[in-house]
N, C-alpha and C. Protein backbone atom coordinates (compact mmCIF):
# COMPACT_ATOMS: atom_id res chain seq x y z
N UNK A 1 8.73 -4.59 -19.23
CA UNK A 1 7.76 -4.42 -18.16
C UNK A 1 6.83 -3.25 -18.49
N UNK A 2 5.57 -3.42 -18.18
CA UNK A 2 4.56 -2.39 -18.37
C UNK A 2 4.93 -1.13 -17.58
N UNK A 3 4.71 0.03 -18.17
CA UNK A 3 4.98 1.28 -17.48
C UNK A 3 4.02 1.45 -16.31
N UNK A 4 4.56 1.77 -15.14
CA UNK A 4 3.75 1.94 -13.93
C UNK A 4 3.74 3.42 -13.57
N UNK A 5 2.55 4.03 -13.69
CA UNK A 5 2.38 5.44 -13.36
C UNK A 5 1.49 5.66 -12.15
N UNK A 6 0.93 4.56 -11.63
CA UNK A 6 0.04 4.67 -10.47
C UNK A 6 0.06 3.37 -9.67
N UNK A 7 0.07 3.53 -8.34
CA UNK A 7 0.14 2.37 -7.45
C UNK A 7 -0.91 2.54 -6.35
N UNK A 8 -1.67 1.48 -6.11
CA UNK A 8 -2.65 1.44 -5.04
C UNK A 8 -2.26 0.32 -4.07
N UNK A 9 -2.07 0.68 -2.81
CA UNK A 9 -1.74 -0.29 -1.76
C UNK A 9 -3.04 -0.65 -1.04
N UNK A 10 -3.27 -1.95 -0.81
CA UNK A 10 -4.55 -2.40 -0.28
C UNK A 10 -4.38 -3.34 0.91
N UNK A 11 -5.11 -3.02 1.99
CA UNK A 11 -5.25 -3.94 3.11
C UNK A 11 -6.75 -4.05 3.42
N UNK A 12 -7.10 -4.52 4.58
CA UNK A 12 -8.51 -4.75 4.88
C UNK A 12 -9.27 -3.46 5.17
N UNK A 13 -8.80 -2.67 6.13
CA UNK A 13 -9.55 -1.49 6.54
C UNK A 13 -8.95 -0.16 6.12
N UNK A 14 -7.75 -0.18 5.57
CA UNK A 14 -7.04 1.02 5.13
C UNK A 14 -6.74 1.97 6.29
N UNK A 15 -6.37 1.37 7.44
CA UNK A 15 -5.97 2.22 8.56
C UNK A 15 -4.62 1.85 9.16
N UNK A 16 -4.08 0.67 8.82
CA UNK A 16 -2.80 0.25 9.41
C UNK A 16 -1.71 0.05 8.35
N UNK A 17 -1.78 -1.06 7.63
CA UNK A 17 -0.70 -1.43 6.72
C UNK A 17 -0.66 -0.61 5.44
N UNK A 18 -1.78 -0.49 4.76
CA UNK A 18 -1.75 0.21 3.46
C UNK A 18 -1.45 1.70 3.59
N UNK A 19 -1.93 2.40 4.64
CA UNK A 19 -1.51 3.80 4.76
C UNK A 19 -0.01 3.93 5.01
N UNK A 20 0.55 2.99 5.77
CA UNK A 20 2.01 2.99 5.97
C UNK A 20 2.73 2.78 4.64
N UNK A 21 2.27 1.80 3.87
CA UNK A 21 2.89 1.51 2.57
C UNK A 21 2.79 2.73 1.65
N UNK A 22 1.62 3.38 1.63
CA UNK A 22 1.45 4.58 0.82
C UNK A 22 2.42 5.67 1.25
N UNK A 23 2.47 5.94 2.54
CA UNK A 23 3.34 7.00 3.05
C UNK A 23 4.81 6.73 2.83
N UNK A 24 5.22 5.51 3.08
CA UNK A 24 6.63 5.15 2.91
C UNK A 24 7.02 5.20 1.43
N UNK A 25 6.17 4.68 0.56
CA UNK A 25 6.51 4.71 -0.87
C UNK A 25 6.54 6.15 -1.39
N UNK A 26 5.60 6.98 -0.95
CA UNK A 26 5.62 8.39 -1.35
C UNK A 26 6.93 9.05 -0.91
N UNK A 27 7.38 8.73 0.30
CA UNK A 27 8.63 9.26 0.84
C UNK A 27 9.83 8.81 -0.02
N UNK A 28 9.85 7.54 -0.38
CA UNK A 28 10.93 7.00 -1.22
C UNK A 28 10.93 7.67 -2.60
N UNK A 29 9.74 7.81 -3.18
CA UNK A 29 9.61 8.45 -4.50
C UNK A 29 10.08 9.91 -4.42
N UNK A 30 9.66 10.61 -3.38
CA UNK A 30 10.08 12.01 -3.20
C UNK A 30 11.59 12.12 -3.05
N UNK A 31 12.18 11.23 -2.25
CA UNK A 31 13.63 11.26 -2.03
C UNK A 31 14.41 10.90 -3.28
N UNK A 32 13.77 10.19 -4.21
CA UNK A 32 14.41 9.85 -5.49
C UNK A 32 14.26 10.98 -6.51
N UNK A 33 13.62 12.07 -6.08
CA UNK A 33 13.44 13.21 -6.98
C UNK A 33 12.33 12.98 -8.01
N UNK A 34 11.43 12.05 -7.72
CA UNK A 34 10.36 11.70 -8.67
C UNK A 34 8.99 12.15 -8.18
N UNK A 35 8.96 13.08 -7.24
CA UNK A 35 7.70 13.56 -6.67
C UNK A 35 6.73 13.98 -7.77
N UNK A 36 5.50 13.51 -7.65
CA UNK A 36 4.47 13.88 -8.60
C UNK A 36 4.45 13.08 -9.89
N UNK A 37 5.39 12.15 -10.07
CA UNK A 37 5.43 11.37 -11.31
C UNK A 37 4.64 10.07 -11.22
N UNK A 38 4.34 9.64 -9.99
CA UNK A 38 3.59 8.41 -9.78
C UNK A 38 2.42 8.73 -8.86
N UNK A 39 1.23 8.36 -9.27
CA UNK A 39 0.06 8.49 -8.40
C UNK A 39 0.13 7.38 -7.36
N UNK A 40 0.06 7.76 -6.09
CA UNK A 40 0.21 6.80 -4.99
C UNK A 40 -0.97 6.98 -4.04
N UNK A 41 -1.72 5.89 -3.83
CA UNK A 41 -2.85 5.92 -2.90
C UNK A 41 -2.94 4.58 -2.17
N UNK A 42 -3.84 4.52 -1.21
CA UNK A 42 -4.13 3.26 -0.53
C UNK A 42 -5.63 3.16 -0.31
N UNK A 43 -6.09 1.94 -0.10
CA UNK A 43 -7.52 1.68 0.12
C UNK A 43 -7.67 0.36 0.86
N UNK A 44 -8.88 0.11 1.31
CA UNK A 44 -9.20 -1.13 1.98
C UNK A 44 -10.26 -1.90 1.21
N UNK A 45 -10.23 -3.21 1.35
CA UNK A 45 -11.29 -4.00 0.72
C UNK A 45 -12.59 -3.88 1.51
N UNK A 46 -12.49 -3.54 2.79
CA UNK A 46 -13.66 -3.31 3.63
C UNK A 46 -13.93 -1.82 3.78
N UNK A 47 -15.15 -1.48 4.10
CA UNK A 47 -15.53 -0.08 4.16
C UNK A 47 -15.80 0.47 5.55
N UNK A 48 -15.41 -0.24 6.60
CA UNK A 48 -15.73 0.16 7.97
C UNK A 48 -15.13 1.49 8.38
N UNK A 49 -13.99 1.85 7.83
CA UNK A 49 -13.26 3.02 8.32
C UNK A 49 -13.24 4.19 7.33
N UNK A 50 -14.09 4.16 6.31
CA UNK A 50 -14.08 5.20 5.27
C UNK A 50 -14.11 6.59 5.92
N UNK A 51 -13.17 7.42 5.50
CA UNK A 51 -13.07 8.78 5.99
C UNK A 51 -12.25 8.96 7.25
N UNK A 52 -11.87 7.85 7.90
CA UNK A 52 -11.10 7.94 9.14
C UNK A 52 -9.61 8.15 8.87
N UNK A 53 -8.94 8.69 9.85
CA UNK A 53 -7.49 8.78 9.83
C UNK A 53 -6.89 7.39 9.95
N UNK A 54 -5.62 7.24 9.57
CA UNK A 54 -4.95 5.96 9.87
C UNK A 54 -4.94 5.73 11.38
N UNK A 55 -4.79 4.47 11.76
CA UNK A 55 -4.65 4.10 13.17
C UNK A 55 -3.56 4.97 13.80
N UNK A 56 -3.80 5.43 15.01
CA UNK A 56 -2.84 6.31 15.68
C UNK A 56 -1.46 5.67 15.80
N UNK A 57 -1.42 4.34 15.89
CA UNK A 57 -0.12 3.66 15.99
C UNK A 57 0.62 3.69 14.65
N UNK A 58 -0.12 3.64 13.54
CA UNK A 58 0.52 3.79 12.21
C UNK A 58 1.06 5.20 12.05
N UNK A 59 0.27 6.18 12.46
CA UNK A 59 0.72 7.57 12.38
C UNK A 59 1.99 7.75 13.21
N UNK A 60 1.98 7.21 14.43
CA UNK A 60 3.12 7.36 15.34
C UNK A 60 4.39 6.70 14.80
N UNK A 61 4.26 5.48 14.27
CA UNK A 61 5.45 4.77 13.79
C UNK A 61 6.00 5.45 12.54
N UNK A 62 5.12 5.95 11.68
CA UNK A 62 5.58 6.68 10.50
C UNK A 62 6.30 7.95 10.93
N UNK A 63 5.71 8.66 11.88
CA UNK A 63 6.31 9.91 12.37
C UNK A 63 7.67 9.65 13.01
N UNK A 64 7.79 8.55 13.72
CA UNK A 64 9.06 8.17 14.33
C UNK A 64 10.16 8.05 13.28
N UNK A 65 9.77 7.68 12.05
CA UNK A 65 10.72 7.52 10.95
C UNK A 65 10.71 8.71 9.99
N UNK A 66 10.13 9.84 10.43
CA UNK A 66 10.17 11.07 9.65
C UNK A 66 9.16 11.15 8.51
N UNK A 67 8.07 10.39 8.60
CA UNK A 67 7.06 10.38 7.55
C UNK A 67 5.71 10.76 8.16
N UNK A 68 5.02 11.69 7.51
CA UNK A 68 3.72 12.15 8.00
C UNK A 68 2.61 11.53 7.16
N UNK A 69 1.80 10.68 7.80
CA UNK A 69 0.66 10.09 7.10
C UNK A 69 -0.65 10.59 7.70
N UNK A 70 -0.57 11.64 8.53
CA UNK A 70 -1.75 12.11 9.26
C UNK A 70 -2.78 12.80 8.38
N UNK A 71 -2.45 13.08 7.13
CA UNK A 71 -3.42 13.71 6.23
C UNK A 71 -4.18 12.69 5.38
N UNK A 72 -3.85 11.41 5.53
CA UNK A 72 -4.54 10.37 4.76
C UNK A 72 -5.91 10.08 5.37
N UNK A 73 -6.84 9.65 4.53
CA UNK A 73 -8.16 9.23 4.99
C UNK A 73 -8.48 7.88 4.36
N UNK A 74 -9.06 7.00 5.16
CA UNK A 74 -9.38 5.65 4.67
C UNK A 74 -10.44 5.72 3.56
N UNK A 75 -10.24 4.88 2.58
CA UNK A 75 -11.20 4.74 1.49
C UNK A 75 -11.31 3.26 1.14
N UNK A 76 -12.38 2.92 0.45
CA UNK A 76 -12.60 1.54 0.05
C UNK A 76 -12.29 1.38 -1.43
N UNK A 77 -11.74 0.23 -1.78
CA UNK A 77 -11.46 -0.09 -3.18
C UNK A 77 -12.77 -0.01 -3.97
N UNK A 78 -12.71 0.58 -5.15
CA UNK A 78 -13.86 0.66 -6.04
C UNK A 78 -13.52 -0.05 -7.35
N UNK A 79 -14.53 -0.37 -8.11
CA UNK A 79 -14.30 -0.98 -9.42
C UNK A 79 -13.49 -0.07 -10.32
N UNK A 80 -13.68 1.22 -10.18
CA UNK A 80 -12.94 2.19 -10.98
C UNK A 80 -11.43 2.13 -10.71
N UNK A 81 -11.05 1.74 -9.51
CA UNK A 81 -9.62 1.63 -9.17
C UNK A 81 -8.90 0.66 -10.10
N UNK A 82 -9.58 -0.37 -10.54
CA UNK A 82 -8.97 -1.37 -11.42
C UNK A 82 -8.71 -0.81 -12.81
N UNK A 83 -9.38 0.27 -13.15
CA UNK A 83 -9.19 0.92 -14.44
C UNK A 83 -8.23 2.10 -14.34
N UNK A 84 -8.12 2.68 -13.15
CA UNK A 84 -7.29 3.87 -12.96
C UNK A 84 -5.86 3.58 -12.51
N UNK A 85 -5.64 2.46 -11.82
CA UNK A 85 -4.31 2.15 -11.29
C UNK A 85 -3.62 1.10 -12.14
N UNK A 86 -2.32 1.29 -12.35
CA UNK A 86 -1.50 0.34 -13.10
C UNK A 86 -1.11 -0.86 -12.25
N UNK A 87 -0.87 -0.60 -10.95
CA UNK A 87 -0.37 -1.63 -10.05
C UNK A 87 -1.18 -1.57 -8.76
N UNK A 88 -1.77 -2.70 -8.38
CA UNK A 88 -2.55 -2.79 -7.15
C UNK A 88 -1.90 -3.88 -6.29
N UNK A 89 -1.39 -3.46 -5.13
CA UNK A 89 -0.62 -4.37 -4.29
C UNK A 89 -1.36 -4.67 -2.99
N UNK A 90 -1.67 -5.94 -2.79
CA UNK A 90 -2.38 -6.40 -1.59
C UNK A 90 -1.38 -6.75 -0.49
N UNK A 91 -1.73 -6.38 0.73
CA UNK A 91 -0.86 -6.66 1.87
C UNK A 91 -0.87 -8.12 2.28
N UNK A 92 -1.94 -8.85 1.94
CA UNK A 92 -2.01 -10.26 2.32
C UNK A 92 -2.83 -11.04 1.29
N UNK A 93 -2.77 -12.35 1.42
CA UNK A 93 -3.43 -13.23 0.44
C UNK A 93 -4.95 -13.09 0.45
N UNK A 94 -5.55 -12.86 1.62
CA UNK A 94 -7.01 -12.69 1.67
C UNK A 94 -7.44 -11.47 0.86
N UNK A 95 -6.74 -10.36 1.04
CA UNK A 95 -7.08 -9.16 0.27
C UNK A 95 -6.76 -9.34 -1.21
N UNK A 96 -5.70 -10.07 -1.51
CA UNK A 96 -5.37 -10.36 -2.91
C UNK A 96 -6.52 -11.15 -3.55
N UNK A 97 -7.01 -12.14 -2.85
CA UNK A 97 -8.12 -12.95 -3.35
C UNK A 97 -9.37 -12.10 -3.58
N UNK A 98 -9.66 -11.20 -2.63
CA UNK A 98 -10.81 -10.31 -2.78
C UNK A 98 -10.64 -9.38 -3.98
N UNK A 99 -9.44 -8.87 -4.17
CA UNK A 99 -9.17 -7.98 -5.32
C UNK A 99 -9.35 -8.74 -6.64
N UNK A 100 -8.81 -9.94 -6.69
CA UNK A 100 -8.92 -10.74 -7.92
C UNK A 100 -10.38 -11.05 -8.23
N UNK A 101 -11.17 -11.30 -7.20
CA UNK A 101 -12.59 -11.63 -7.39
C UNK A 101 -13.40 -10.43 -7.87
N UNK A 102 -13.01 -9.24 -7.45
CA UNK A 102 -13.80 -8.06 -7.84
C UNK A 102 -13.28 -7.36 -9.08
N UNK A 103 -12.14 -7.79 -9.61
CA UNK A 103 -11.54 -7.13 -10.77
C UNK A 103 -12.45 -7.25 -12.00
N UNK A 104 -12.84 -6.11 -12.57
CA UNK A 104 -13.73 -6.16 -13.73
C UNK A 104 -13.00 -6.52 -15.02
N UNK A 105 -13.76 -7.06 -15.97
CA UNK A 105 -13.19 -7.31 -17.29
C UNK A 105 -12.75 -5.97 -17.88
N UNK A 106 -11.67 -6.01 -18.62
CA UNK A 106 -11.16 -4.80 -19.24
C UNK A 106 -10.09 -4.11 -18.42
N UNK A 107 -9.86 -4.58 -17.20
CA UNK A 107 -8.82 -3.99 -16.37
C UNK A 107 -7.45 -4.47 -16.85
N UNK A 108 -6.52 -3.54 -16.93
CA UNK A 108 -5.15 -3.89 -17.30
C UNK A 108 -4.21 -3.77 -16.10
N UNK A 109 -4.80 -3.57 -14.93
CA UNK A 109 -4.00 -3.42 -13.72
C UNK A 109 -3.28 -4.72 -13.39
N UNK A 110 -2.07 -4.58 -12.91
CA UNK A 110 -1.34 -5.71 -12.33
C UNK A 110 -1.80 -5.79 -10.89
N UNK A 111 -2.29 -6.95 -10.49
CA UNK A 111 -2.74 -7.18 -9.12
C UNK A 111 -1.82 -8.23 -8.53
N UNK A 112 -1.17 -7.87 -7.41
CA UNK A 112 -0.16 -8.78 -6.87
C UNK A 112 -0.07 -8.66 -5.35
N UNK A 113 0.54 -9.66 -4.75
CA UNK A 113 0.86 -9.63 -3.33
C UNK A 113 2.06 -8.71 -3.14
N UNK A 114 1.95 -7.76 -2.24
CA UNK A 114 2.95 -6.70 -2.02
C UNK A 114 4.38 -7.23 -1.90
N UNK A 115 4.61 -8.11 -0.93
CA UNK A 115 5.97 -8.61 -0.71
C UNK A 115 6.44 -9.48 -1.87
N UNK A 116 5.54 -10.19 -2.50
CA UNK A 116 5.91 -11.03 -3.63
C UNK A 116 6.36 -10.17 -4.81
N UNK A 117 5.58 -9.14 -5.12
CA UNK A 117 5.90 -8.28 -6.27
C UNK A 117 7.19 -7.50 -6.04
N UNK A 118 7.39 -7.00 -4.84
CA UNK A 118 8.54 -6.13 -4.56
C UNK A 118 9.81 -6.89 -4.19
N UNK A 119 9.67 -7.97 -3.42
CA UNK A 119 10.83 -8.65 -2.85
C UNK A 119 10.94 -10.12 -3.25
N UNK A 120 10.02 -10.61 -4.06
CA UNK A 120 9.97 -12.03 -4.43
C UNK A 120 9.84 -12.92 -3.20
N UNK A 121 9.13 -12.42 -2.18
CA UNK A 121 8.82 -13.19 -0.98
C UNK A 121 7.32 -13.44 -1.00
N UNK A 122 6.91 -14.66 -1.14
CA UNK A 122 5.47 -14.95 -1.19
C UNK A 122 4.93 -15.03 0.24
N UNK A 123 4.95 -13.87 0.90
CA UNK A 123 4.51 -13.79 2.29
C UNK A 123 3.60 -12.57 2.47
N UNK A 124 2.73 -12.65 3.47
CA UNK A 124 1.87 -11.53 3.82
C UNK A 124 2.62 -10.51 4.66
N UNK A 125 2.10 -9.29 4.67
CA UNK A 125 2.50 -8.30 5.67
C UNK A 125 1.53 -8.54 6.84
N UNK A 126 2.03 -9.00 7.98
CA UNK A 126 1.13 -9.31 9.10
C UNK A 126 0.33 -8.07 9.53
N UNK A 127 -0.92 -8.29 9.87
CA UNK A 127 -1.79 -7.20 10.31
C UNK A 127 -1.47 -6.87 11.77
N UNK A 128 -1.00 -5.66 12.06
CA UNK A 128 -0.61 -5.32 13.43
C UNK A 128 -1.76 -4.82 14.30
N UNK A 129 -2.98 -4.76 13.77
CA UNK A 129 -4.09 -4.09 14.43
C UNK A 129 -4.31 -4.55 15.87
N UNK A 130 -4.29 -5.86 16.12
CA UNK A 130 -4.61 -6.37 17.45
C UNK A 130 -3.37 -6.53 18.34
N UNK A 131 -2.23 -6.12 17.85
CA UNK A 131 -1.00 -6.26 18.63
C UNK A 131 -0.49 -4.93 19.15
N UNK A 132 0.76 -4.95 19.58
CA UNK A 132 1.38 -3.76 20.12
C UNK A 132 2.19 -3.02 19.08
N UNK A 133 3.02 -2.10 19.55
CA UNK A 133 3.80 -1.26 18.64
C UNK A 133 4.82 -2.06 17.84
N UNK A 134 5.25 -3.21 18.35
CA UNK A 134 6.21 -4.04 17.62
C UNK A 134 5.69 -4.46 16.26
N UNK A 135 4.41 -4.77 16.17
CA UNK A 135 3.81 -5.15 14.90
C UNK A 135 3.78 -3.98 13.92
N UNK A 136 3.60 -2.78 14.42
CA UNK A 136 3.60 -1.60 13.56
C UNK A 136 5.00 -1.29 13.06
N UNK A 137 5.99 -1.51 13.94
CA UNK A 137 7.38 -1.32 13.50
C UNK A 137 7.73 -2.34 12.43
N UNK A 138 7.27 -3.60 12.61
CA UNK A 138 7.52 -4.63 11.60
C UNK A 138 6.86 -4.24 10.27
N UNK A 139 5.62 -3.75 10.32
CA UNK A 139 4.92 -3.33 9.11
C UNK A 139 5.67 -2.17 8.45
N UNK A 140 6.17 -1.24 9.26
CA UNK A 140 6.96 -0.13 8.70
C UNK A 140 8.23 -0.64 8.02
N UNK A 141 8.96 -1.52 8.69
CA UNK A 141 10.21 -2.04 8.13
C UNK A 141 9.95 -2.80 6.82
N UNK A 142 8.87 -3.58 6.77
CA UNK A 142 8.53 -4.28 5.53
C UNK A 142 8.17 -3.28 4.43
N UNK A 143 7.40 -2.24 4.79
CA UNK A 143 7.04 -1.21 3.82
C UNK A 143 8.28 -0.49 3.30
N UNK A 144 9.25 -0.26 4.17
CA UNK A 144 10.49 0.40 3.77
C UNK A 144 11.28 -0.47 2.79
N UNK A 145 11.45 -1.74 3.13
CA UNK A 145 12.16 -2.67 2.22
C UNK A 145 11.45 -2.79 0.89
N UNK A 146 10.12 -2.97 0.95
CA UNK A 146 9.34 -3.13 -0.28
C UNK A 146 9.36 -1.86 -1.12
N UNK A 147 9.23 -0.71 -0.48
CA UNK A 147 9.20 0.56 -1.21
C UNK A 147 10.51 0.82 -1.94
N UNK A 148 11.61 0.55 -1.27
CA UNK A 148 12.91 0.74 -1.92
C UNK A 148 13.09 -0.22 -3.10
N UNK A 149 12.68 -1.47 -2.90
CA UNK A 149 12.76 -2.46 -3.98
C UNK A 149 11.83 -2.09 -5.13
N UNK A 150 10.64 -1.61 -4.81
CA UNK A 150 9.69 -1.21 -5.85
C UNK A 150 10.22 -0.01 -6.64
N UNK A 151 10.82 0.95 -5.96
CA UNK A 151 11.39 2.10 -6.65
C UNK A 151 12.50 1.65 -7.59
N UNK A 152 13.36 0.76 -7.13
CA UNK A 152 14.43 0.22 -7.98
C UNK A 152 13.85 -0.49 -9.19
N UNK A 153 12.79 -1.25 -8.96
CA UNK A 153 12.15 -2.00 -10.05
C UNK A 153 11.55 -1.05 -11.08
N UNK A 154 10.88 -0.01 -10.62
CA UNK A 154 10.25 0.95 -11.53
C UNK A 154 11.27 1.82 -12.26
N UNK A 155 12.41 2.03 -11.62
CA UNK A 155 13.47 2.83 -12.25
C UNK A 155 14.20 2.05 -13.33
N UNK A 156 14.00 0.73 -13.32
CA UNK A 156 14.60 -0.11 -14.37
C UNK A 156 15.94 -0.62 -13.97
């Protein structure tokens, strides 16, 4: 398997699912004693929320589980990301399709569906934006399962 030194988590606006995935994976990496060995970021395929904090419900659910994502700021995927990141994980098939369409020639990044790459489940992480706190808890639980599986995978 290709060495993975950087991971980018991607959803649509970079305020709900991908910031949770970034925060949870950073927490898992830190708890494994690997802090600072993997570059971990998140971004959105859309640019509506650039510079904004994660959704307050994402911040709250992360905090409920002992993870602080309140210092993250939304950013949009750039062409340079395909050259800088080893692994780019989309939260859903629509974002995966957008990433594949914008991927420049010469990129060696692995682009995959988050749950498929981590858990061999070809399913999306549902977008909790228009729902209640239950959807955010579900997104957190999926991020936790995926992050632990991803850490195991990267550890060999």
